[in-house]
C-alpha cells in the first residue's frame, strides 16, 4: 500500500519561516534607504529654490552672492528649514544644505551636501552636487571650493554620486 503524505515536517516549516525572515530583513533595509533618499531630496528641493536667485544675481552683476542676504534671502540659514532640513546656507554662490529637521532619519542628522555653481560654455550655469564629477566649466567665484558631502554616498541621488 502506498504511503500517504500528511503535511509538512517541522524542519520544512522552520526552513520556510527562516527564508521569509531573511527576505523581510532585506526588504526593510531597502525601504529604509529609499526613505532616507526621499528625505535628502527634500534638501535638494530647498537648494533648487536658492539656485534661482544665485543664477539671476550672477547674470546681472557678474558676481555670485556672498551670502543669503546678498541672494535676497533672509539672513538666518535656519529660516530655510523643513521636516528633514535644518538649514540652507549660501557661501560665495555655493549652497550648503544641512539635514536635521524634526522628522529626519538619524543617519542624516547633522550631515550636509553642497551644490557648487560653475559657468560652462555659452554662460550656461552648471551645478556640482555631492560627489558628482567636476563639470566642464569654471567656478563661479575664484575662491569658492566644492565641499564633499558628509552623507553616505548611498543616500545621494544618482546625479550627485
N, C-alpha and C. Protein backbone atom coordinates (compact mmCIF):
# COMPACT_ATOMS: atom_id res chain seq x y z
N UNK A 1 0.82 -1.16 0.00
CA UNK A 1 0.00 0.00 0.00
C UNK A 1 0.89 1.25 0.00
N UNK A 2 0.60 2.22 -0.88
CA UNK A 2 1.43 3.41 -0.93
C UNK A 2 1.25 4.26 0.33
N UNK A 3 2.35 4.92 0.68
CA UNK A 3 2.37 5.76 1.88
C UNK A 3 1.78 7.14 1.54
N UNK A 4 0.86 7.64 2.35
CA UNK A 4 0.25 8.95 2.14
C UNK A 4 1.02 10.02 2.90
N UNK A 5 1.15 11.15 2.27
CA UNK A 5 1.80 12.28 2.93
C UNK A 5 0.74 13.07 3.68
N UNK A 6 1.01 13.40 4.94
CA UNK A 6 0.01 14.08 5.75
C UNK A 6 0.33 15.55 5.97
N UNK A 7 1.36 16.12 5.36
CA UNK A 7 1.68 17.53 5.56
C UNK A 7 3.18 17.75 5.57
N UNK A 8 3.57 18.88 6.17
CA UNK A 8 4.97 19.26 6.21
C UNK A 8 5.59 18.80 7.52
N UNK A 9 6.87 18.50 7.45
CA UNK A 9 7.59 18.17 8.68
C UNK A 9 7.98 19.47 9.37
N UNK A 10 8.38 19.37 10.60
CA UNK A 10 8.77 20.54 11.38
C UNK A 10 9.97 21.24 10.76
N UNK A 11 10.93 20.50 10.27
CA UNK A 11 12.13 21.10 9.67
C UNK A 11 11.78 21.87 8.41
N UNK A 12 10.84 21.39 7.62
CA UNK A 12 10.42 22.11 6.42
C UNK A 12 9.75 23.45 6.78
N UNK A 13 8.94 23.45 7.82
CA UNK A 13 8.30 24.69 8.26
C UNK A 13 9.32 25.69 8.79
N UNK A 14 10.32 25.22 9.52
CA UNK A 14 11.35 26.10 10.06
C UNK A 14 12.15 26.73 8.92
N UNK A 15 12.46 25.96 7.89
CA UNK A 15 13.21 26.49 6.74
C UNK A 15 12.40 27.56 6.01
N UNK A 16 11.13 27.36 5.83
CA UNK A 16 10.27 28.34 5.17
C UNK A 16 10.21 29.62 6.00
N UNK A 17 10.03 29.51 7.30
CA UNK A 17 9.97 30.68 8.17
C UNK A 17 11.30 31.42 8.14
N UNK A 18 12.41 30.71 8.12
CA UNK A 18 13.73 31.32 8.05
C UNK A 18 13.90 32.10 6.74
N UNK A 19 13.48 31.53 5.64
CA UNK A 19 13.57 32.23 4.35
C UNK A 19 12.70 33.48 4.33
N UNK A 20 11.52 33.41 4.89
CA UNK A 20 10.65 34.59 4.95
C UNK A 20 11.29 35.67 5.80
N UNK A 21 11.93 35.29 6.91
CA UNK A 21 12.62 36.26 7.77
C UNK A 21 13.77 36.95 7.06
N UNK A 22 14.56 36.20 6.30
CA UNK A 22 15.68 36.78 5.56
C UNK A 22 15.17 37.76 4.50
N UNK A 23 14.16 37.37 3.76
CA UNK A 23 13.60 38.26 2.74
C UNK A 23 12.99 39.52 3.36
N UNK A 24 12.34 39.38 4.50
CA UNK A 24 11.77 40.55 5.17
C UNK A 24 12.85 41.50 5.64
N UNK A 25 13.96 40.98 6.16
CA UNK A 25 15.04 41.86 6.63
C UNK A 25 15.67 42.62 5.46
N UNK A 26 15.79 41.98 4.31
CA UNK A 26 16.32 42.66 3.12
C UNK A 26 15.35 43.76 2.66
N UNK A 27 14.07 43.48 2.72
CA UNK A 27 13.08 44.46 2.29
C UNK A 27 13.07 45.67 3.22
N UNK A 28 13.20 45.46 4.52
CA UNK A 28 13.20 46.57 5.47
C UNK A 28 14.42 47.45 5.24
N UNK A 29 15.57 46.85 5.00
CA UNK A 29 16.79 47.62 4.75
C UNK A 29 16.67 48.46 3.47
N UNK A 30 16.14 47.86 2.42
CA UNK A 30 15.97 48.60 1.17
C UNK A 30 14.96 49.73 1.34
N UNK A 31 13.91 49.50 2.11
CA UNK A 31 12.91 50.54 2.32
C UNK A 31 13.48 51.70 3.14
N UNK A 32 14.33 51.37 4.11
CA UNK A 32 14.96 52.43 4.91
C UNK A 32 15.83 53.32 4.03
N UNK A 33 16.63 52.72 3.15
CA UNK A 33 17.46 53.50 2.24
C UNK A 33 16.59 54.37 1.34
N UNK A 34 15.50 53.83 0.84
CA UNK A 34 14.57 54.58 0.00
C UNK A 34 14.00 55.78 0.77
N UNK A 35 13.63 55.56 2.02
CA UNK A 35 13.06 56.63 2.85
C UNK A 35 14.06 57.74 3.08
N UNK A 36 15.31 57.39 3.38
CA UNK A 36 16.33 58.41 3.62
C UNK A 36 16.63 59.18 2.34
N UNK A 37 16.64 58.51 1.20
CA UNK A 37 16.85 59.21 -0.08
C UNK A 37 15.75 60.23 -0.33
N UNK A 38 14.53 59.89 0.02
CA UNK A 38 13.42 60.83 -0.14
C UNK A 38 13.63 62.06 0.75
N UNK A 39 14.17 61.84 1.95
CA UNK A 39 14.44 62.96 2.84
C UNK A 39 15.55 63.85 2.29
N UNK A 40 16.57 63.23 1.70
CA UNK A 40 17.67 64.00 1.10
C UNK A 40 17.15 64.81 -0.08
N UNK A 41 16.22 64.27 -0.83
CA UNK A 41 15.70 65.03 -1.98
C UNK A 41 14.91 66.25 -1.52
N UNK A 42 14.36 66.25 -0.30
CA UNK A 42 13.74 67.48 0.20
C UNK A 42 14.79 68.57 0.33
N UNK A 43 15.97 68.20 0.81
CA UNK A 43 17.05 69.18 0.93
C UNK A 43 17.48 69.73 -0.41
N UNK A 44 17.50 68.88 -1.43
CA UNK A 44 17.88 69.35 -2.76
C UNK A 44 16.80 70.25 -3.35
N UNK A 45 15.54 70.04 -2.95
CA UNK A 45 14.48 70.95 -3.38
C UNK A 45 14.65 72.32 -2.74
N UNK A 46 15.08 72.35 -1.48
CA UNK A 46 15.38 73.63 -0.84
C UNK A 46 16.52 74.32 -1.58
N UNK A 47 17.54 73.55 -1.96
CA UNK A 47 18.68 74.12 -2.69
C UNK A 47 18.24 74.65 -4.04
N UNK A 48 17.32 73.97 -4.70
CA UNK A 48 16.83 74.44 -6.00
C UNK A 48 16.18 75.81 -5.88
N UNK A 49 15.53 76.06 -4.75
CA UNK A 49 14.95 77.37 -4.53
C UNK A 49 16.00 78.46 -4.39
N UNK A 50 17.17 78.11 -3.90
CA UNK A 50 18.25 79.08 -3.76
C UNK A 50 19.06 79.24 -5.05
N UNK A 51 18.97 78.27 -5.95
CA UNK A 51 19.73 78.35 -7.20
C UNK A 51 19.26 79.51 -8.08
N UNK A 52 17.97 79.75 -8.08
CA UNK A 52 17.41 80.78 -8.96
C UNK A 52 17.97 82.17 -8.64
N UNK A 53 17.92 82.63 -7.38
CA UNK A 53 18.48 83.96 -7.13
C UNK A 53 19.99 84.03 -7.34
N UNK A 54 20.69 82.95 -7.07
CA UNK A 54 22.14 82.95 -7.30
C UNK A 54 22.43 83.12 -8.78
N UNK A 55 21.72 82.38 -9.62
CA UNK A 55 21.90 82.48 -11.07
C UNK A 55 21.54 83.88 -11.57
N UNK A 56 20.40 84.41 -11.11
CA UNK A 56 19.97 85.74 -11.55
C UNK A 56 20.98 86.82 -11.15
N UNK A 57 21.44 86.78 -9.93
CA UNK A 57 22.38 87.80 -9.46
C UNK A 57 23.70 87.70 -10.22
N UNK A 58 24.15 86.48 -10.48
CA UNK A 58 25.40 86.33 -11.23
C UNK A 58 25.24 86.87 -12.65
N UNK A 59 24.14 86.56 -13.30
CA UNK A 59 23.93 87.03 -14.68
C UNK A 59 23.78 88.55 -14.75
N UNK A 60 23.19 89.15 -13.72
CA UNK A 60 23.00 90.60 -13.71
C UNK A 60 24.25 91.36 -13.28
N UNK A 61 24.99 90.84 -12.33
CA UNK A 61 26.12 91.57 -11.75
C UNK A 61 27.49 91.01 -12.10
N UNK A 62 27.53 89.76 -12.58
CA UNK A 62 28.81 89.13 -12.88
C UNK A 62 29.54 88.61 -11.65
N UNK A 63 28.87 88.65 -10.51
CA UNK A 63 29.46 88.18 -9.25
C UNK A 63 28.41 87.36 -8.51
N UNK A 64 28.85 86.23 -7.94
CA UNK A 64 27.92 85.40 -7.18
C UNK A 64 27.64 86.05 -5.82
N UNK A 65 26.45 85.87 -5.29
CA UNK A 65 26.15 86.44 -3.97
C UNK A 65 27.03 85.79 -2.90
N UNK A 66 27.55 86.61 -1.99
CA UNK A 66 28.45 86.13 -0.95
C UNK A 66 27.72 85.38 0.15
N UNK A 67 26.44 85.71 0.36
CA UNK A 67 25.69 85.07 1.44
C UNK A 67 24.20 85.12 1.13
N UNK A 68 23.40 84.72 2.09
CA UNK A 68 21.95 84.67 1.89
C UNK A 68 21.36 86.06 1.66
N UNK A 69 21.83 87.05 2.40
CA UNK A 69 21.30 88.40 2.25
C UNK A 69 21.58 88.93 0.85
N UNK A 70 22.79 88.71 0.35
CA UNK A 70 23.14 89.16 -0.99
C UNK A 70 22.32 88.43 -2.06
N UNK A 71 21.83 87.24 -1.71
CA UNK A 71 20.99 86.48 -2.64
C UNK A 71 19.52 86.85 -2.51
N UNK A 72 19.21 87.81 -1.65
CA UNK A 72 17.83 88.24 -1.48
C UNK A 72 17.02 87.36 -0.55
N UNK A 73 17.72 86.61 0.29
CA UNK A 73 17.04 85.73 1.24
C UNK A 73 17.20 86.30 2.65
N UNK A 74 16.54 85.70 3.60
CA UNK A 74 16.67 86.15 4.99
C UNK A 74 18.08 85.85 5.50
N UNK A 75 18.55 86.56 6.51
CA UNK A 75 19.93 86.39 6.96
C UNK A 75 20.23 85.07 7.66
N UNK A 76 19.24 84.44 8.26
CA UNK A 76 19.49 83.22 9.03
C UNK A 76 19.33 81.97 8.17
N UNK A 77 20.36 81.11 8.19
CA UNK A 77 20.31 79.86 7.42
C UNK A 77 19.20 78.95 7.93
N UNK A 78 18.85 79.07 9.19
CA UNK A 78 17.79 78.22 9.76
C UNK A 78 16.40 78.67 9.36
N UNK A 79 16.28 79.80 8.66
CA UNK A 79 14.97 80.22 8.16
C UNK A 79 14.49 79.31 7.04
N UNK A 80 15.42 78.65 6.36
CA UNK A 80 15.07 77.69 5.31
C UNK A 80 15.20 76.30 5.93
N UNK A 81 14.14 75.83 6.50
CA UNK A 81 14.17 74.51 7.12
C UNK A 81 12.85 73.80 6.86
N UNK A 82 12.89 72.50 7.00
CA UNK A 82 11.70 71.70 6.78
C UNK A 82 11.70 70.51 7.72
N UNK A 83 10.95 69.50 7.35
CA UNK A 83 10.84 68.31 8.19
C UNK A 83 12.15 67.56 8.31
N UNK A 84 13.00 67.65 7.28
CA UNK A 84 14.25 66.90 7.27
C UNK A 84 15.47 67.79 7.11
N UNK A 85 15.27 69.08 6.91
CA UNK A 85 16.36 70.03 6.67
C UNK A 85 16.41 71.02 7.82
N UNK A 86 17.62 71.24 8.36
CA UNK A 86 17.75 72.20 9.47
C UNK A 86 18.23 73.57 9.00
N UNK A 87 18.99 73.62 7.88
CA UNK A 87 19.43 74.94 7.40
C UNK A 87 19.91 74.85 5.95
N UNK A 88 19.85 76.01 5.29
CA UNK A 88 20.39 76.17 3.93
C UNK A 88 21.22 77.44 3.95
N UNK A 89 22.53 77.29 3.72
CA UNK A 89 23.46 78.41 3.77
C UNK A 89 24.00 78.69 2.37
N UNK A 90 24.31 79.95 2.09
CA UNK A 90 24.95 80.34 0.83
C UNK A 90 26.28 80.99 1.17
N UNK A 91 27.35 80.47 0.56
CA UNK A 91 28.70 81.00 0.78
C UNK A 91 29.36 81.16 -0.59
N UNK A 92 29.54 82.39 -1.03
CA UNK A 92 30.14 82.71 -2.33
C UNK A 92 29.48 81.93 -3.47
N UNK A 93 28.17 81.84 -3.45
CA UNK A 93 27.43 81.16 -4.50
C UNK A 93 27.19 79.69 -4.23
N UNK A 94 27.97 79.06 -3.36
CA UNK A 94 27.80 77.65 -3.03
C UNK A 94 26.64 77.51 -2.05
N UNK A 95 25.84 76.48 -2.24
CA UNK A 95 24.70 76.21 -1.37
C UNK A 95 25.04 75.00 -0.50
N UNK A 96 24.97 75.18 0.81
CA UNK A 96 25.23 74.09 1.76
C UNK A 96 23.92 73.75 2.47
N UNK A 97 23.46 72.52 2.28
CA UNK A 97 22.22 72.05 2.90
C UNK A 97 22.60 71.13 4.06
N UNK A 98 22.11 71.45 5.25
CA UNK A 98 22.37 70.62 6.43
C UNK A 98 21.06 69.97 6.86
N UNK A 99 21.12 68.67 7.13
CA UNK A 99 19.93 67.90 7.49
C UNK A 99 19.79 67.81 9.00
N UNK A 100 18.56 67.66 9.46
CA UNK A 100 18.35 67.52 10.88
C UNK A 100 17.03 68.08 11.36
N UNK A 101 16.04 68.10 10.52
CA UNK A 101 14.73 68.57 10.95
C UNK A 101 14.10 67.61 11.95
N UNK A 102 12.91 67.92 12.41
CA UNK A 102 12.28 67.12 13.46
C UNK A 102 11.98 65.67 13.05
N UNK A 103 11.82 65.40 11.78
CA UNK A 103 11.49 64.04 11.33
C UNK A 103 12.65 63.35 10.60
N UNK A 104 13.83 63.97 10.60
CA UNK A 104 14.96 63.42 9.84
C UNK A 104 15.45 62.10 10.44
N UNK A 105 15.84 61.21 9.56
CA UNK A 105 16.39 59.92 9.97
C UNK A 105 17.73 60.15 10.68
N UNK A 106 18.02 59.33 11.68
CA UNK A 106 19.24 59.54 12.46
C UNK A 106 20.51 59.41 11.63
N UNK A 107 20.48 58.73 10.49
CA UNK A 107 21.67 58.59 9.65
C UNK A 107 22.06 59.89 8.94
N UNK A 108 21.13 60.85 8.84
CA UNK A 108 21.45 62.09 8.13
C UNK A 108 21.47 63.32 9.03
N UNK A 109 21.10 63.17 10.29
CA UNK A 109 21.07 64.32 11.20
C UNK A 109 22.48 64.89 11.35
N UNK A 110 22.61 66.19 11.10
CA UNK A 110 23.91 66.86 11.20
C UNK A 110 24.79 66.71 9.97
N UNK A 111 24.36 65.96 8.99
CA UNK A 111 25.14 65.74 7.76
C UNK A 111 24.75 66.80 6.74
N UNK A 112 25.60 67.00 5.74
CA UNK A 112 25.34 68.05 4.76
C UNK A 112 25.74 67.62 3.35
N UNK A 113 25.21 68.36 2.38
CA UNK A 113 25.58 68.20 0.98
C UNK A 113 25.67 69.60 0.39
N UNK A 114 26.65 69.81 -0.50
CA UNK A 114 26.86 71.13 -1.11
C UNK A 114 26.58 71.07 -2.60
N UNK A 115 26.11 72.20 -3.11
CA UNK A 115 25.93 72.38 -4.55
C UNK A 115 26.74 73.61 -4.94
N UNK A 116 27.68 73.41 -5.85
CA UNK A 116 28.60 74.47 -6.22
C UNK A 116 28.34 74.89 -7.66
N UNK A 117 28.20 76.20 -7.92
CA UNK A 117 27.92 76.66 -9.28
C UNK A 117 29.19 76.80 -10.12
N UNK A 118 29.06 76.49 -11.39
CA UNK A 118 30.13 76.65 -12.38
C UNK A 118 29.53 77.30 -13.61
N UNK A 119 30.36 78.01 -14.35
CA UNK A 119 29.92 78.63 -15.59
C UNK A 119 30.50 77.83 -16.74
N UNK A 120 29.63 77.29 -17.58
CA UNK A 120 30.07 76.49 -18.70
C UNK A 120 30.12 77.29 -19.98
N UNK A 121 30.24 76.58 -21.08
CA UNK A 121 30.25 77.23 -22.39
C UNK A 121 28.92 77.95 -22.63
N UNK A 122 29.01 79.11 -23.25
CA UNK A 122 27.81 79.88 -23.54
C UNK A 122 27.17 80.45 -22.29
N UNK A 123 27.95 80.63 -21.25
CA UNK A 123 27.48 81.19 -19.98
C UNK A 123 26.39 80.35 -19.32
N UNK A 124 26.33 79.06 -19.66
CA UNK A 124 25.36 78.17 -19.02
C UNK A 124 25.78 77.91 -17.57
N UNK A 125 24.82 77.90 -16.67
CA UNK A 125 25.09 77.66 -15.26
C UNK A 125 25.03 76.15 -15.01
N UNK A 126 26.12 75.60 -14.49
CA UNK A 126 26.22 74.19 -14.17
C UNK A 126 26.37 74.05 -12.66
N UNK A 127 25.75 73.04 -12.08
CA UNK A 127 25.81 72.83 -10.63
C UNK A 127 26.42 71.48 -10.33
N UNK A 128 27.42 71.48 -9.46
CA UNK A 128 28.04 70.24 -9.00
C UNK A 128 27.42 69.88 -7.65
N UNK A 129 26.89 68.70 -7.57
CA UNK A 129 26.18 68.24 -6.37
C UNK A 129 26.92 67.06 -5.75
N UNK A 130 27.19 67.13 -4.47
CA UNK A 130 27.76 66.00 -3.75
C UNK A 130 29.08 65.52 -4.32
N UNK A 131 29.15 64.22 -4.62
CA UNK A 131 30.37 63.61 -5.15
C UNK A 131 30.39 63.55 -6.67
N UNK A 132 29.53 64.29 -7.33
CA UNK A 132 29.47 64.27 -8.79
C UNK A 132 30.79 64.76 -9.38
N UNK A 133 31.04 64.36 -10.61
CA UNK A 133 32.27 64.77 -11.30
C UNK A 133 32.28 66.27 -11.53
N UNK A 134 33.45 66.81 -11.64
CA UNK A 134 33.63 68.24 -11.90
C UNK A 134 33.04 68.58 -13.26
N UNK A 135 32.12 69.56 -13.32
CA UNK A 135 31.54 69.91 -14.62
C UNK A 135 32.55 70.65 -15.50
N UNK A 136 32.29 70.61 -16.80
CA UNK A 136 33.15 71.31 -17.74
C UNK A 136 32.85 72.79 -17.65
N UNK A 137 33.63 73.52 -16.91
CA UNK A 137 33.40 74.94 -16.73
C UNK A 137 34.29 75.48 -15.63
N UNK A 138 34.16 76.75 -15.39
CA UNK A 138 34.95 77.43 -14.36
C UNK A 138 34.06 77.69 -13.14
N UNK A 139 34.67 77.68 -11.94
CA UNK A 139 33.86 78.04 -10.77
C UNK A 139 33.31 79.45 -10.91
N UNK A 140 32.15 79.68 -10.35
CA UNK A 140 31.51 80.99 -10.42
C UNK A 140 32.39 82.06 -9.79
N UNK A 141 32.94 81.77 -8.64
CA UNK A 141 33.85 82.66 -7.95
C UNK A 141 35.18 81.95 -7.76
N UNK A 142 36.27 82.67 -7.88
CA UNK A 142 37.60 82.07 -7.82
C UNK A 142 37.84 81.38 -6.48
N UNK A 143 37.41 81.97 -5.38
CA UNK A 143 37.67 81.41 -4.06
C UNK A 143 36.72 80.30 -3.63
N UNK A 144 35.67 80.06 -4.39
CA UNK A 144 34.69 79.06 -4.00
C UNK A 144 35.23 77.67 -4.24
N UNK A 145 35.19 76.85 -3.20
CA UNK A 145 35.60 75.47 -3.38
C UNK A 145 34.44 74.56 -3.02
N UNK A 146 34.37 73.45 -3.73
CA UNK A 146 33.30 72.50 -3.51
C UNK A 146 33.61 71.67 -2.26
N UNK A 147 32.61 71.45 -1.43
CA UNK A 147 32.76 70.63 -0.24
C UNK A 147 32.17 69.25 -0.50
N UNK A 148 32.91 68.19 -0.20
CA UNK A 148 32.33 66.86 -0.36
C UNK A 148 31.21 66.64 0.66
N UNK A 149 30.24 65.82 0.32
CA UNK A 149 29.13 65.60 1.26
C UNK A 149 29.58 64.80 2.47
N UNK A 150 28.92 65.01 3.58
CA UNK A 150 29.17 64.20 4.77
C UNK A 150 28.14 63.07 4.87
N UNK A 151 27.20 63.04 3.93
CA UNK A 151 26.22 61.95 3.84
C UNK A 151 26.87 60.72 3.25
N UNK A 152 26.34 59.54 3.58
CA UNK A 152 26.76 58.32 2.89
C UNK A 152 26.38 58.44 1.42
N UNK A 153 27.25 57.93 0.57
CA UNK A 153 27.02 58.03 -0.88
C UNK A 153 25.72 57.34 -1.30
N UNK A 154 25.31 56.29 -0.59
CA UNK A 154 24.11 55.56 -0.97
C UNK A 154 22.84 56.39 -0.81
N UNK A 155 22.89 57.44 0.01
CA UNK A 155 21.73 58.28 0.23
C UNK A 155 21.62 59.41 -0.79
N UNK A 156 22.66 59.65 -1.56
CA UNK A 156 22.65 60.74 -2.55
C UNK A 156 21.90 60.30 -3.80
N UNK A 157 21.21 61.22 -4.47
CA UNK A 157 20.60 60.88 -5.76
C UNK A 157 21.68 60.51 -6.78
N UNK A 158 21.30 59.84 -7.83
CA UNK A 158 22.26 59.36 -8.82
C UNK A 158 23.11 60.48 -9.41
N UNK A 159 22.50 61.66 -9.65
CA UNK A 159 23.27 62.75 -10.27
C UNK A 159 24.25 63.40 -9.28
N UNK A 160 24.21 63.01 -8.03
CA UNK A 160 25.13 63.57 -7.03
C UNK A 160 26.20 62.58 -6.58
N UNK A 161 26.22 61.38 -7.14
CA UNK A 161 27.19 60.36 -6.68
C UNK A 161 28.48 60.43 -7.43
